[in-house]
Amino acid sequence: TFQNRQSIFSKKSRKNLENQIALKEQQNKQLLLQLNSNSISNSNSNSNSNLNTNLINSLDSEIVIKKRALLQDNKIINFLKQFSIRIEAFGEISQPDKALQVFKKVGQLNLPYNSYIYNSLINVFLKTKRFDEADQFFEQMQKQFYEESQPNEQTYAILIDAHLNENNFTKVVHYIEKLQKSKLIIDSTLCNTLIKFYLKVNNIEQAIETFEWLMNDNQTISMTNFDTFFNTIINAQYFEKAISIVRNLIEINFFVKGFHYRNLINGLCCYQNPYLALEVLKLAQKSSITIDIAMLNEIIDCFVNKLQQYDQAFELYSNLSQYQLKPNEN
């Protein structure tokens, strides 16, 4: 039978317990070395030797007790994971009431509720459009004393994303404000969700700022999010910022696809900036992207028909071979 051991269930307390075990084991090792040294030299009295032996036995007992406590906690965590899986399974078949029954069973077994259990249930309510109940359990989480039972990054991500999909911007802002007041460090999942929100409400600059934080912190970038984000900033004519982002992404080995370069070149040429388009072409080459004739034709067309800079157009036409391309009918 598992007892409610939430006082040592938090990450901080568990880490402290692991440190205590390591310290006790180190003390034990030092005393054992000292005891062996004394036995060989016979320099200490029997009373000191007995004292050291007693200390070692005492430390052994403490280590065993603390290791048992840690093992008990690991069992509880694994047990709670099974409950989370069952809750999520009922969510997949749209049975939130049965998911709630599983959630209540955790309390009946005198097990501690943690963030993962709460998040699983909240996600079920969100998927089945029972938003009020999701909000209620979020409020319940906030009232929990222990850190491991309070809202975490995933909690905010699933709530913000669900309300965003419903276009309920009031609720999205509500949870963003609560997030800002919390001490949480925004992770990649949450960051990608915030970018999605800022794009949806046309706050391009905030979306760029959030993306740059994500990129500079080497967090995971959602490719689906990036496609939307990149096309949006191109359409909004943030060309220099787009080029800067591409440069930084190359540095962190994020694969910018060929169509991203193509879209950026098209956008630059559309707004009569073929010189920046040539810079983008060089970046594409640096990333080993296959340069196609359509990219070159777009830039040549811009020089000829929009800027009437025929010399520049002819120079680019003459250098097609360096891209291993031949001119086509266009």
C-alpha atoms as a PDB file:
ATOM      1  CA  THR A   1       0.000   0.000   0.000  1.00  0.00           C
ATOM      2  CA  PHE A   2       1.392   3.378  -1.020  1.00  0.00           C
ATOM      3  CA  GLN A   3       1.260   6.112   1.555  1.00  0.00           C
ATOM      4  CA  ASN A   4       0.909   9.768   0.643  1.00  0.00           C
ATOM      5  CA  ARG A   5       4.588  10.764   0.513  1.00  0.00           C
ATOM      6  CA  GLN A   6       4.137  14.061  -1.298  1.00  0.00           C
ATOM      7  CA  SER A   7       6.579  15.850   1.019  1.00  0.00           C
ATOM      8  CA  ILE A   8       9.431  13.984  -0.708  1.00  0.00           C
ATOM      9  CA  PHE A   9       7.632  13.609  -4.027  1.00  0.00           C
ATOM     10  CA  SER A  10       8.668  17.010  -5.440  1.00  0.00           C
ATOM     11  CA  LYS A  11      11.682  17.172  -7.755  1.00  0.00           C
ATOM     12  CA  LYS A  12      13.558  19.403  -5.328  1.00  0.00           C
ATOM     13  CA  SER A  13      13.009  17.055  -2.381  1.00  0.00           C
ATOM     14  CA  ARG A  14      13.854  13.977  -4.436  1.00  0.00           C
ATOM     15  CA  LYS A  15      17.077  15.612  -5.630  1.00  0.00           C
ATOM     16  CA  ASN A  16      17.891  16.530  -2.039  1.00  0.00           C
ATOM     17  CA  LEU A  17      17.318  12.915  -1.003  1.00  0.00           C
ATOM     18  CA  GLU A  18      19.627  11.656  -3.774  1.00  0.00           C
ATOM     19  CA  ASN A  19      22.304  14.134  -2.642  1.00  0.00           C
ATOM     20  CA  GLN A  20      21.963  12.962   0.956  1.00  0.00           C
ATOM     21  CA  ILE A  21      22.474   9.343  -0.111  1.00  0.00           C
ATOM     22  CA  ALA A  22      25.583  10.302  -2.120  1.00  0.00           C
ATOM     23  CA  LEU A  23      26.974  12.265   0.854  1.00  0.00           C
ATOM     24  CA  LYS A  24      26.335   9.435   3.322  1.00  0.00           C
ATOM     25  CA  GLU A  25      27.985   6.938   0.990  1.00  0.00           C
ATOM     26  CA  GLN A  26      31.019   9.225   0.643  1.00  0.00           C
ATOM     27  CA  GLN A  27      31.261   9.596   4.443  1.00  0.00           C
ATOM     28  CA  ASN A  28      30.962   5.844   4.789  1.00  0.00           C
ATOM     29  CA  LYS A  29      33.785   5.287   2.296  1.00  0.00           C
ATOM     30  CA  GLN A  30      36.070   7.785   4.076  1.00  0.00           C
ATOM     31  CA  LEU A  31      35.453   6.178   7.470  1.00  0.00           C
ATOM     32  CA  LEU A  32      36.068   2.724   6.038  1.00  0.00           C
ATOM     33  CA  LEU A  33      39.391   3.876   4.568  1.00  0.00           C
ATOM     34  CA  GLN A  34      40.335   5.447   7.892  1.00  0.00           C
ATOM     35  CA  LEU A  35      39.402   2.255   9.757  1.00  0.00           C
ATOM     36  CA  ASN A  36      41.496   0.119   7.422  1.00  0.00           C
ATOM     37  CA  SER A  37      44.407   2.524   7.723  1.00  0.00           C
ATOM     38  CA  ASN A  38      44.210   2.420  11.523  1.00  0.00           C
ATOM     39  CA  SER A  39      44.064  -1.371  11.540  1.00  0.00           C
ATOM     40  CA  ILE A  40      47.219  -1.600   9.487  1.00  0.00           C
ATOM     41  CA  SER A  41      49.202   0.985  11.478  1.00  0.00           C
ATOM     42  CA  ASN A  42      47.759  -0.060  14.865  1.00  0.00           C
ATOM     43  CA  SER A  43      48.253   3.563  15.805  1.00  0.00           C
ATOM     44  CA  ASN A  44      44.766   4.061  17.255  1.00  0.00           C
ATOM     45  CA  SER A  45      43.195   2.484  20.317  1.00  0.00           C
ATOM     46  CA  ASN A  46      40.503  -0.188  20.127  1.00  0.00           C
ATOM     47  CA  SER A  47      37.962   2.339  21.413  1.00  0.00           C
ATOM     48  CA  ASN A  48      38.526   4.645  18.387  1.00  0.00           C
ATOM     49  CA  SER A  49      38.325   1.663  16.062  1.00  0.00           C
ATOM     50  CA  ASN A  50      35.018   0.584  17.646  1.00  0.00           C
ATOM     51  CA  LEU A  51      33.720   4.137  17.363  1.00  0.00           C
ATOM     52  CA  ASN A  52      34.471   4.220  13.635  1.00  0.00           C
ATOM     53  CA  THR A  53      32.848   0.807  13.141  1.00  0.00           C
ATOM     54  CA  ASN A  54      29.692   2.021  14.920  1.00  0.00           C
ATOM     55  CA  LEU A  55      29.592   5.165  12.753  1.00  0.00           C
ATOM     56  CA  ILE A  56      29.863   3.060   9.602  1.00  0.00           C
ATOM     57  CA  ASN A  57      27.020   0.792  10.727  1.00  0.00           C
ATOM     58  CA  SER A  58      24.925   3.879  11.536  1.00  0.00           C
ATOM     59  CA  LEU A  59      25.607   5.418   8.129  1.00  0.00           C
ATOM     60  CA  ASP A  60      24.785   2.103   6.416  1.00  0.00           C
ATOM     61  CA  SER A  61      21.387   2.108   8.137  1.00  0.00           C
ATOM     62  CA  GLU A  62      20.668   5.713   7.039  1.00  0.00           C
ATOM     63  CA  ILE A  63      21.646   4.922   3.451  1.00  0.00           C
ATOM     64  CA  VAL A  64      19.356   1.870   3.357  1.00  0.00           C
ATOM     65  CA  ILE A  65      16.403   3.885   4.771  1.00  0.00           C
ATOM     66  CA  LYS A  66      16.862   6.750   2.276  1.00  0.00           C
ATOM     67  CA  LYS A  67      17.305   4.374  -0.664  1.00  0.00           C
ATOM     68  CA  ARG A  68      14.092   2.604   0.295  1.00  0.00           C
ATOM     69  CA  ALA A  69      12.297   5.985   0.378  1.00  0.00           C
ATOM     70  CA  LEU A  70      13.627   6.851  -3.077  1.00  0.00           C
ATOM     71  CA  LEU A  71      12.620   3.451  -4.429  1.00  0.00           C
ATOM     72  CA  GLN A  72       9.138   3.924  -2.955  1.00  0.00           C
ATOM     73  CA  ASP A  73       8.833   7.272  -4.747  1.00  0.00           C
ATOM     74  CA  ASN A  74       9.930   5.736  -8.053  1.00  0.00           C
ATOM     75  CA  LYS A  75       7.237   3.089  -7.653  1.00  0.00           C
ATOM     76  CA  ILE A  76       4.637   5.811  -7.016  1.00  0.00           C
ATOM     77  CA  ILE A  77       5.727   7.737 -10.118  1.00  0.00           C
ATOM     78  CA  ASN A  78       5.486   4.632 -12.313  1.00  0.00           C
ATOM     79  CA  PHE A  79       2.104   3.795 -10.784  1.00  0.00           C
ATOM     80  CA  LEU A  80       0.803   7.305 -11.542  1.00  0.00           C
ATOM     81  CA  LYS A  81       2.008   7.017 -15.144  1.00  0.00           C
ATOM     82  CA  GLN A  82      -0.310   4.022 -15.565  1.00  0.00           C
ATOM     83  CA  PHE A  83      -3.232   6.122 -14.327  1.00  0.00           C
ATOM     84  CA  SER A  84      -2.323   8.908 -16.795  1.00  0.00           C
ATOM     85  CA  ILE A  85      -2.318   6.404 -19.666  1.00  0.00           C
ATOM     86  CA  ARG A  86      -5.788   5.139 -18.654  1.00  0.00           C
ATOM     87  CA  ILE A  87      -7.152   8.690 -18.385  1.00  0.00           C
ATOM     88  CA  GLU A  88      -5.781   9.580 -21.834  1.00  0.00           C
ATOM     89  CA  ALA A  89      -7.205   6.356 -23.295  1.00  0.00           C
ATOM     90  CA  PHE A  90     -10.725   7.360 -22.194  1.00  0.00           C
ATOM     91  CA  GLY A  91     -10.089  10.756 -23.761  1.00  0.00           C
ATOM     92  CA  GLU A  92      -9.309   9.117 -27.110  1.00  0.00           C
ATOM     93  CA  ILE A  93     -12.762   7.477 -27.126  1.00  0.00           C
ATOM     94  CA  SER A  94     -14.503  10.645 -25.845  1.00  0.00           C
ATOM     95  CA  GLN A  95     -15.480   9.331 -22.410  1.00  0.00           C
ATOM     96  CA  PRO A  96     -14.489  12.162 -20.024  1.00  0.00           C
ATOM     97  CA  ASP A  97     -16.675  10.882 -17.170  1.00  0.00           C
ATOM     98  CA  LYS A  98     -14.809   7.567 -17.065  1.00  0.00           C
ATOM     99  CA  ALA A  99     -11.521   9.483 -17.239  1.00  0.00           C
ATOM    100  CA  LEU A 100     -12.692  11.456 -14.190  1.00  0.00           C
ATOM    101  CA  GLN A 101     -13.472   8.196 -12.350  1.00  0.00           C
ATOM    102  CA  VAL A 102      -9.887   7.019 -12.927  1.00  0.00           C
ATOM    103  CA  PHE A 103      -8.619  10.391 -11.683  1.00  0.00           C
ATOM    104  CA  LYS A 104     -10.663  10.083  -8.474  1.00  0.00           C
ATOM    105  CA  LYS A 105      -9.343   6.556  -7.945  1.00  0.00           C
ATOM    106  CA  VAL A 106      -5.871   8.059  -7.422  1.00  0.00           C
ATOM    107  CA  GLY A 107      -7.134   9.947  -4.375  1.00  0.00           C
ATOM    108  CA  GLN A 108      -9.035   6.910  -3.084  1.00  0.00           C
ATOM    109  CA  LEU A 109      -5.756   4.957  -3.087  1.00  0.00           C
ATOM    110  CA  ASN A 110      -4.172   7.741  -1.034  1.00  0.00           C
ATOM    111  CA  LEU A 111      -1.751   8.478  -3.879  1.00  0.00           C
ATOM    112  CA  PRO A 112      -0.425  11.995  -4.488  1.00  0.00           C
ATOM    113  CA  TYR A 113      -1.819  13.864  -7.496  1.00  0.00           C
ATOM    114  CA  ASN A 114       0.924  15.243  -9.723  1.00  0.00           C
ATOM    115  CA  SER A 115       0.927  17.596 -12.725  1.00  0.00           C
ATOM    116  CA  TYR A 116       0.889  14.746 -15.256  1.00  0.00           C
ATOM    117  CA  ILE A 117      -2.306  13.269 -13.808  1.00  0.00           C
ATOM    118  CA  TYR A 118      -3.970  16.694 -13.809  1.00  0.00           C
ATOM    119  CA  ASN A 119      -2.741  17.484 -17.333  1.00  0.00           C
ATOM    120  CA  SER A 120      -4.097  14.184 -18.654  1.00  0.00           C
ATOM    121  CA  LEU A 121      -7.560  14.932 -17.255  1.00  0.00           C
ATOM    122  CA  ILE A 122      -7.551  18.585 -18.359  1.00  0.00           C
ATOM    123  CA  ASN A 123      -6.571  17.471 -21.860  1.00  0.00           C
ATOM    124  CA  VAL A 124      -9.498  15.034 -21.946  1.00  0.00           C
ATOM    125  CA  PHE A 125     -11.936  17.807 -20.976  1.00  0.00           C
ATOM    126  CA  LEU A 126     -10.461  20.129 -23.612  1.00  0.00           C
ATOM    127  CA  LYS A 127     -10.697  17.481 -26.349  1.00  0.00           C
ATOM    128  CA  THR A 128     -14.355  16.850 -25.470  1.00  0.00           C
ATOM    129  CA  LYS A 129     -15.144  20.604 -25.356  1.00  0.00           C
ATOM    130  CA  ARG A 130     -15.835  20.624 -21.613  1.00  0.00           C
ATOM    131  CA  PHE A 131     -13.861  23.811 -21.124  1.00  0.00           C
ATOM    132  CA  ASP A 132     -15.424  24.872 -17.820  1.00  0.00           C
ATOM    133  CA  GLU A 133     -14.325  21.650 -16.140  1.00  0.00           C
ATOM    134  CA  ALA A 134     -10.826  22.019 -17.599  1.00  0.00           C
ATOM    135  CA  ASP A 135     -10.679  25.511 -16.086  1.00  0.00           C
ATOM    136  CA  GLN A 136     -11.906  24.196 -12.718  1.00  0.00           C
ATOM    137  CA  PHE A 137      -9.170  21.583 -12.509  1.00  0.00           C
ATOM    138  CA  PHE A 138      -6.586  24.177 -13.499  1.00  0.00           C
ATOM    139  CA  GLU A 139      -7.761  26.312 -10.566  1.00  0.00           C
ATOM    140  CA  GLN A 140      -7.535  23.237  -8.340  1.00  0.00           C
ATOM    141  CA  MET A 141      -3.943  22.701  -9.458  1.00  0.00           C
ATOM    142  CA  GLN A 142      -3.036  26.266  -8.534  1.00  0.00           C
ATOM    143  CA  LYS A 143      -4.200  25.645  -4.965  1.00  0.00           C
ATOM    144  CA  GLN A 144      -1.926  22.639  -4.507  1.00  0.00           C
ATOM    145  CA  PHE A 145       0.879  23.130  -1.985  1.00  0.00           C
ATOM    146  CA  TYR A 146       3.541  20.996  -3.641  1.00  0.00           C
ATOM    147  CA  GLU A 147       5.365  22.110  -6.779  1.00  0.00           C
ATOM    148  CA  GLU A 148       4.873  18.757  -8.554  1.00  0.00           C
ATOM    149  CA  SER A 149       1.083  19.166  -8.394  1.00  0.00           C
ATOM    150  CA  GLN A 150       0.938  22.745  -9.660  1.00  0.00           C
ATOM    151  CA  PRO A 151       0.474  23.849 -13.301  1.00  0.00           C
ATOM    152  CA  ASN A 152       3.593  23.272 -15.379  1.00  0.00           C
ATOM    153  CA  GLU A 153       4.614  24.277 -18.917  1.00  0.00           C
ATOM    154  CA  GLN A 154       2.525  21.490 -20.457  1.00  0.00           C
ATOM    155  CA  THR A 155      -0.579  22.615 -18.550  1.00  0.00           C
ATOM    156  CA  TYR A 156      -0.411  26.092 -20.036  1.00  0.00           C
ATOM    157  CA  ALA A 157       0.476  24.783 -23.505  1.00  0.00           C
ATOM    158  CA  ILE A 158      -2.566  22.484 -23.775  1.00  0.00           C
ATOM    159  CA  LEU A 159      -4.948  25.122 -22.361  1.00  0.00           C
ATOM    160  CA  ILE A 160      -3.688  27.950 -24.576  1.00  0.00           C
ATOM    161  CA  ASP A 161      -3.653  25.733 -27.679  1.00  0.00           C
ATOM    162  CA  ALA A 162      -7.188  24.427 -27.076  1.00  0.00           C
ATOM    163  CA  HIS A 163      -8.679  27.896 -26.548  1.00  0.00           C
ATOM    164  CA  LEU A 164      -6.675  29.200 -29.511  1.00  0.00           C
ATOM    165  CA  ASN A 165      -8.213  26.543 -31.770  1.00  0.00           C
ATOM    166  CA  GLU A 166     -11.632  27.753 -30.587  1.00  0.00           C
ATOM    167  CA  ASN A 167     -10.618  31.380 -31.306  1.00  0.00           C
ATOM    168  CA  ASN A 168     -11.340  32.177 -27.666  1.00  0.00           C
ATOM    169  CA  PHE A 169      -8.681  34.875 -27.417  1.00  0.00           C
ATOM    170  CA  THR A 170      -9.987  36.149 -24.093  1.00  0.00           C
ATOM    171  CA  LYS A 171      -9.168  32.810 -22.482  1.00  0.00           C
ATOM    172  CA  VAL A 172      -5.818  32.632 -24.270  1.00  0.00           C
ATOM    173  CA  VAL A 173      -4.822  36.043 -22.888  1.00  0.00           C
ATOM    174  CA  HIS A 174      -6.104  34.973 -19.453  1.00  0.00           C
ATOM    175  CA  TYR A 175      -3.744  31.977 -19.373  1.00  0.00           C
ATOM    176  CA  ILE A 176      -0.825  33.925 -20.837  1.00  0.00           C
ATOM    177  CA  GLU A 177      -1.192  36.469 -18.028  1.00  0.00           C
ATOM    178  CA  LYS A 178      -1.243  33.677 -15.452  1.00  0.00           C
ATOM    179  CA  LEU A 179       1.833  32.166 -17.104  1.00  0.00           C
ATOM    180  CA  GLN A 180       3.674  35.491 -16.880  1.00  0.00           C
ATOM    181  CA  LYS A 181       2.964  35.645 -13.135  1.00  0.00           C
ATOM    182  CA  SER A 182       4.264  32.115 -12.592  1.00  0.00           C
ATOM    183  CA  LYS A 183       7.944  31.252 -12.091  1.00  0.00           C
ATOM    184  CA  LEU A 184       7.943  28.775 -14.953  1.00  0.00           C
ATOM    185  CA  ILE A 185      10.635  28.759 -17.621  1.00  0.00           C
ATOM    186  CA  ILE A 186       8.923  28.650 -21.010  1.00  0.00           C
ATOM    187  CA  ASP A 187       9.800  25.442 -22.867  1.00  0.00           C
ATOM    188  CA  SER A 188       9.707  24.749 -26.610  1.00  0.00           C
ATOM    189  CA  THR A 189       6.150  23.339 -26.673  1.00  0.00           C
ATOM    190  CA  LEU A 190       4.755  26.370 -24.898  1.00  0.00           C
ATOM    191  CA  CYS A 191       6.871  28.740 -26.962  1.00  0.00           C
ATOM    192  CA  ASN A 192       5.599  27.250 -30.240  1.00  0.00           C
ATOM    193  CA  THR A 193       2.034  27.597 -28.949  1.00  0.00           C
ATOM    194  CA  LEU A 194       2.600  31.282 -28.141  1.00  0.00           C
ATOM    195  CA  ILE A 195       4.023  31.894 -31.633  1.00  0.00           C
ATOM    196  CA  LYS A 196       0.893  30.290 -33.099  1.00  0.00           C
ATOM    197  CA  PHE A 197      -1.256  32.651 -31.018  1.00  0.00           C
ATOM    198  CA  TYR A 198       0.680  35.807 -31.950  1.00  0.00           C
ATOM    199  CA  LEU A 199       0.442  34.919 -35.650  1.00  0.00           C
ATOM    200  CA  LYS A 200      -3.282  34.327 -35.351  1.00  0.00           C
ATOM    201  CA  VAL A 201      -3.887  37.762 -33.826  1.00  0.00           C
ATOM    202  CA  ASN A 202      -1.453  39.342 -36.342  1.00  0.00           C
ATOM    203  CA  ASN A 203       1.073  40.408 -33.701  1.00  0.00           C
ATOM    204  CA  ILE A 204       4.024  39.747 -36.025  1.00  0.00           C
ATOM    205  CA  GLU A 205       6.674  41.506 -33.955  1.00  0.00           C
ATOM    206  CA  GLN A 206       5.837  39.540 -30.814  1.00  0.00           C
ATOM    207  CA  ALA A 207       5.843  36.323 -32.857  1.00  0.00           C
ATOM    208  CA  ILE A 208       9.324  37.187 -34.194  1.00  0.00           C
ATOM    209  CA  GLU A 209      10.607  38.041 -30.709  1.00  0.00           C
ATOM    210  CA  THR A 210       9.300  34.747 -29.315  1.00  0.00           C
ATOM    211  CA  PHE A 211      10.730  32.761 -32.233  1.00  0.00           C
ATOM    212  CA  GLU A 212      14.147  34.391 -31.823  1.00  0.00           C
ATOM    213  CA  TRP A 213      14.154  33.452 -28.132  1.00  0.00           C
ATOM    214  CA  LEU A 214      13.279  29.878 -29.106  1.00  0.00           C
ATOM    215  CA  MET A 215      16.039  29.814 -31.715  1.00  0.00           C
ATOM    216  CA  ASN A 216      18.742  31.462 -29.573  1.00  0.00           C
ATOM    217  CA  ASP A 217      17.995  29.125 -26.663  1.00  0.00           C
ATOM    218  CA  ASN A 218      18.454  26.071 -28.944  1.00  0.00           C
ATOM    219  CA  GLN A 219      14.918  24.881 -28.190  1.00  0.00           C
ATOM    220  CA  THR A 220      12.994  22.506 -30.449  1.00  0.00           C
ATOM    221  CA  ILE A 221      11.372  24.366 -33.349  1.00  0.00           C
ATOM    222  CA  SER A 222       8.097  22.992 -34.707  1.00  0.00           C
ATOM    223  CA  MET A 223       8.479  22.623 -38.488  1.00  0.00           C
ATOM    224  CA  THR A 224       4.723  23.096 -39.016  1.00  0.00           C
ATOM    225  CA  ASN A 225       4.842  26.266 -36.943  1.00  0.00           C
ATOM    226  CA  PHE A 226       7.930  27.450 -38.797  1.00  0.00           C
ATOM    227  CA  ASP A 227       6.261  27.081 -42.210  1.00  0.00           C
ATOM    228  CA  THR A 228       3.382  29.328 -41.122  1.00  0.00           C
ATOM    229  CA  PHE A 229       5.644  31.726 -39.232  1.00  0.00           C
ATOM    230  CA  PHE A 230       8.130  32.176 -42.079  1.00  0.00           C
ATOM    231  CA  ASN A 231       5.482  32.701 -44.760  1.00  0.00           C
ATOM    232  CA  THR A 232       3.702  35.208 -42.516  1.00  0.00           C
ATOM    233  CA  ILE A 233       6.763  37.388 -41.922  1.00  0.00           C
ATOM    234  CA  ILE A 234       7.526  37.318 -45.674  1.00  0.00           C
ATOM    235  CA  ASN A 235       3.973  38.420 -46.508  1.00  0.00           C
ATOM    236  CA  ALA A 236       4.294  41.143 -43.853  1.00  0.00           C
ATOM    237  CA  GLN A 237       7.518  42.312 -45.606  1.00  0.00           C
ATOM    238  CA  TYR A 238       9.891  41.631 -42.696  1.00  0.00           C
ATOM    239  CA  PHE A 239      12.506  40.645 -45.258  1.00  0.00           C
ATOM    240  CA  GLU A 240      15.712  41.590 -43.442  1.00  0.00           C
ATOM    241  CA  LYS A 241      14.460  39.891 -40.292  1.00  0.00           C
ATOM    242  CA  ALA A 242      13.633  36.774 -42.353  1.00  0.00           C
ATOM    243  CA  ILE A 243      17.165  36.705 -43.800  1.00  0.00           C
ATOM    244  CA  SER A 244      18.677  37.167 -40.340  1.00  0.00           C
ATOM    245  CA  ILE A 245      16.589  34.258 -39.041  1.00  0.00           C
ATOM    246  CA  VAL A 246      17.716  32.026 -41.932  1.00  0.00           C
ATOM    247  CA  ARG A 247      21.369  32.845 -41.166  1.00  0.00           C
ATOM    248  CA  ASN A 248      20.909  31.957 -37.502  1.00  0.00           C
ATOM    249  CA  LEU A 249      19.053  28.747 -38.345  1.00  0.00           C
ATOM    250  CA  ILE A 250      21.913  27.669 -40.610  1.00  0.00           C
ATOM    251  CA  GLU A 251      24.302  28.197 -37.683  1.00  0.00           C
ATOM    252  CA  ILE A 252      22.273  25.887 -35.422  1.00  0.00           C
ATOM    253  CA  ASN A 253      21.875  23.282 -38.220  1.00  0.00           C
ATOM    254  CA  PHE A 254      18.112  23.710 -38.555  1.00  0.00           C
ATOM    255  CA  PHE A 255      17.161  22.588 -42.056  1.00  0.00           C
ATOM    256  CA  VAL A 256      15.478  25.436 -43.931  1.00  0.00           C
ATOM    257  CA  LYS A 257      13.748  23.841 -46.910  1.00  0.00           C
ATOM    258  CA  GLY A 258      14.067  24.854 -50.550  1.00  0.00           C
ATOM    259  CA  PHE A 259      10.541  26.265 -50.750  1.00  0.00           C
ATOM    260  CA  HIS A 260      11.328  28.627 -47.828  1.00  0.00           C
ATOM    261  CA  TYR A 261      14.188  30.136 -49.849  1.00  0.00           C
ATOM    262  CA  ARG A 262      12.011  30.229 -52.957  1.00  0.00           C
ATOM    263  CA  ASN A 263       9.187  32.026 -51.139  1.00  0.00           C
ATOM    264  CA  LEU A 264      11.630  34.560 -49.695  1.00  0.00           C
ATOM    265  CA  ILE A 265      13.188  35.228 -53.117  1.00  0.00           C
ATOM    266  CA  ASN A 266       9.709  35.636 -54.665  1.00  0.00           C
ATOM    267  CA  GLY A 267       8.695  38.059 -51.902  1.00  0.00           C
ATOM    268  CA  LEU A 268      11.864  40.145 -52.311  1.00  0.00           C
ATOM    269  CA  CYS A 269      11.484  40.300 -56.088  1.00  0.00           C
ATOM    270  CA  CYS A 270       7.816  41.168 -55.763  1.00  0.00           C
ATOM    271  CA  TYR A 271       8.839  44.228 -53.754  1.00  0.00           C
ATOM    272  CA  GLN A 272      11.715  45.039 -56.118  1.00  0.00           C
ATOM    273  CA  ASN A 273      14.666  43.987 -53.993  1.00  0.00           C
ATOM    274  CA  PRO A 274      16.647  41.563 -56.193  1.00  0.00           C
ATOM    275  CA  TYR A 275      19.962  42.360 -54.450  1.00  0.00           C
ATOM    276  CA  LEU A 276      18.691  40.885 -51.173  1.00  0.00           C
ATOM    277  CA  ALA A 277      17.297  38.008 -53.238  1.00  0.00           C
ATOM    278  CA  LEU A 278      20.849  37.297 -54.431  1.00  0.00           C
ATOM    279  CA  GLU A 279      21.974  37.160 -50.784  1.00  0.00           C
ATOM    280  CA  VAL A 280      19.258  34.589 -50.113  1.00  0.00           C
ATOM    281  CA  LEU A 281      20.483  32.606 -53.115  1.00  0.00           C
ATOM    282  CA  LYS A 282      23.974  32.462 -51.563  1.00  0.00           C
ATOM    283  CA  LEU A 283      22.498  31.275 -48.246  1.00  0.00           C
ATOM    284  CA  ALA A 284      20.620  28.531 -50.095  1.00  0.00           C
ATOM    285  CA  GLN A 285      23.890  27.416 -51.699  1.00  0.00           C
ATOM    286  CA  LYS A 286      25.615  27.433 -48.309  1.00  0.00           C
ATOM    287  CA  SER A 287      22.892  25.111 -47.020  1.00  0.00           C
ATOM    288  CA  SER A 288      23.365  22.734 -49.984  1.00  0.00           C
ATOM    289  CA  ILE A 289      19.891  23.543 -51.307  1.00  0.00           C
ATOM    290  CA  THR A 290      19.413  22.691 -54.981  1.00  0.00           C
ATOM    291  CA  ILE A 291      19.056  25.977 -56.859  1.00  0.00           C
ATOM    292  CA  ASP A 292      16.434  25.687 -59.585  1.00  0.00           C
ATOM    293  CA  ILE A 293      16.013  27.817 -62.698  1.00  0.00           C
ATOM    294  CA  ALA A 294      12.752  29.294 -61.367  1.00  0.00           C
ATOM    295  CA  MET A 295      14.652  31.083 -58.555  1.00  0.00           C
ATOM    296  CA  LEU A 296      17.098  32.643 -61.055  1.00  0.00           C
ATOM    297  CA  ASN A 297      14.321  33.565 -63.497  1.00  0.00           C
ATOM    298  CA  GLU A 298      12.489  35.407 -60.708  1.00  0.00           C
ATOM    299  CA  ILE A 299      15.553  37.562 -59.944  1.00  0.00           C
ATOM    300  CA  ILE A 300      16.381  38.146 -63.652  1.00  0.00           C
ATOM    301  CA  ASP A 301      12.759  39.172 -64.288  1.00  0.00           C
ATOM    302  CA  CYS A 302      12.939  41.651 -61.403  1.00  0.00           C
ATOM    303  CA  PHE A 303      16.125  43.253 -62.792  1.00  0.00           C
ATOM    304  CA  VAL A 304      14.659  43.475 -66.330  1.00  0.00           C
ATOM    305  CA  ASN A 305      10.968  44.293 -65.969  1.00  0.00           C
ATOM    306  CA  LYS A 306      10.839  46.115 -62.626  1.00  0.00           C
ATOM    307  CA  LEU A 307      14.160  47.916 -62.324  1.00  0.00           C
ATOM    308  CA  GLN A 308      15.291  47.984 -65.988  1.00  0.00           C
ATOM    309  CA  GLN A 309      18.800  47.059 -64.832  1.00  0.00           C
ATOM    310  CA  TYR A 310      19.712  45.023 -67.907  1.00  0.00           C
ATOM    311  CA  ASP A 311      23.437  44.709 -67.139  1.00  0.00           C
ATOM    312  CA  GLN A 312      22.716  43.036 -63.799  1.00  0.00           C
ATOM    313  CA  ALA A 313      20.203  40.715 -65.471  1.00  0.00           C
ATOM    314  CA  PHE A 314      22.662  39.751 -68.212  1.00  0.00           C
ATOM    315  CA  GLU A 315      25.462  39.129 -65.683  1.00  0.00           C
ATOM    316  CA  LEU A 316      23.213  36.754 -63.753  1.00  0.00           C
ATOM    317  CA  TYR A 317      22.157  35.060 -67.014  1.00  0.00           C
ATOM    318  CA  SER A 318      25.816  34.624 -68.001  1.00  0.00           C
ATOM    319  CA  ASN A 319      26.610  32.959 -64.658  1.00  0.00           C
ATOM    320  CA  LEU A 320      23.881  30.311 -64.817  1.00  0.00           C
ATOM    321  CA  SER A 321      26.555  27.669 -65.286  1.00  0.00           C
ATOM    322  CA  GLN A 322      27.933  28.280 -61.778  1.00  0.00           C
ATOM    323  CA  TYR A 323      24.571  27.024 -60.481  1.00  0.00           C
ATOM    324  CA  GLN A 324      24.799  24.092 -62.949  1.00  0.00           C
ATOM    325  CA  LEU A 325      21.712  25.413 -64.715  1.00  0.00           C
ATOM    326  CA  LYS A 326      20.749  26.085 -68.322  1.00  0.00           C
ATOM    327  CA  PRO A 327      18.311  28.770 -69.458  1.00  0.00           C
ATOM    328  CA  ASN A 328      14.758  27.639 -70.250  1.00  0.00           C
ATOM    329  CA  GLU A 329      12.027  29.274 -72.330  1.00  0.00           C
ATOM    330  CA  ASN A 330      11.159  31.658 -69.447  1.00  0.00           C
END
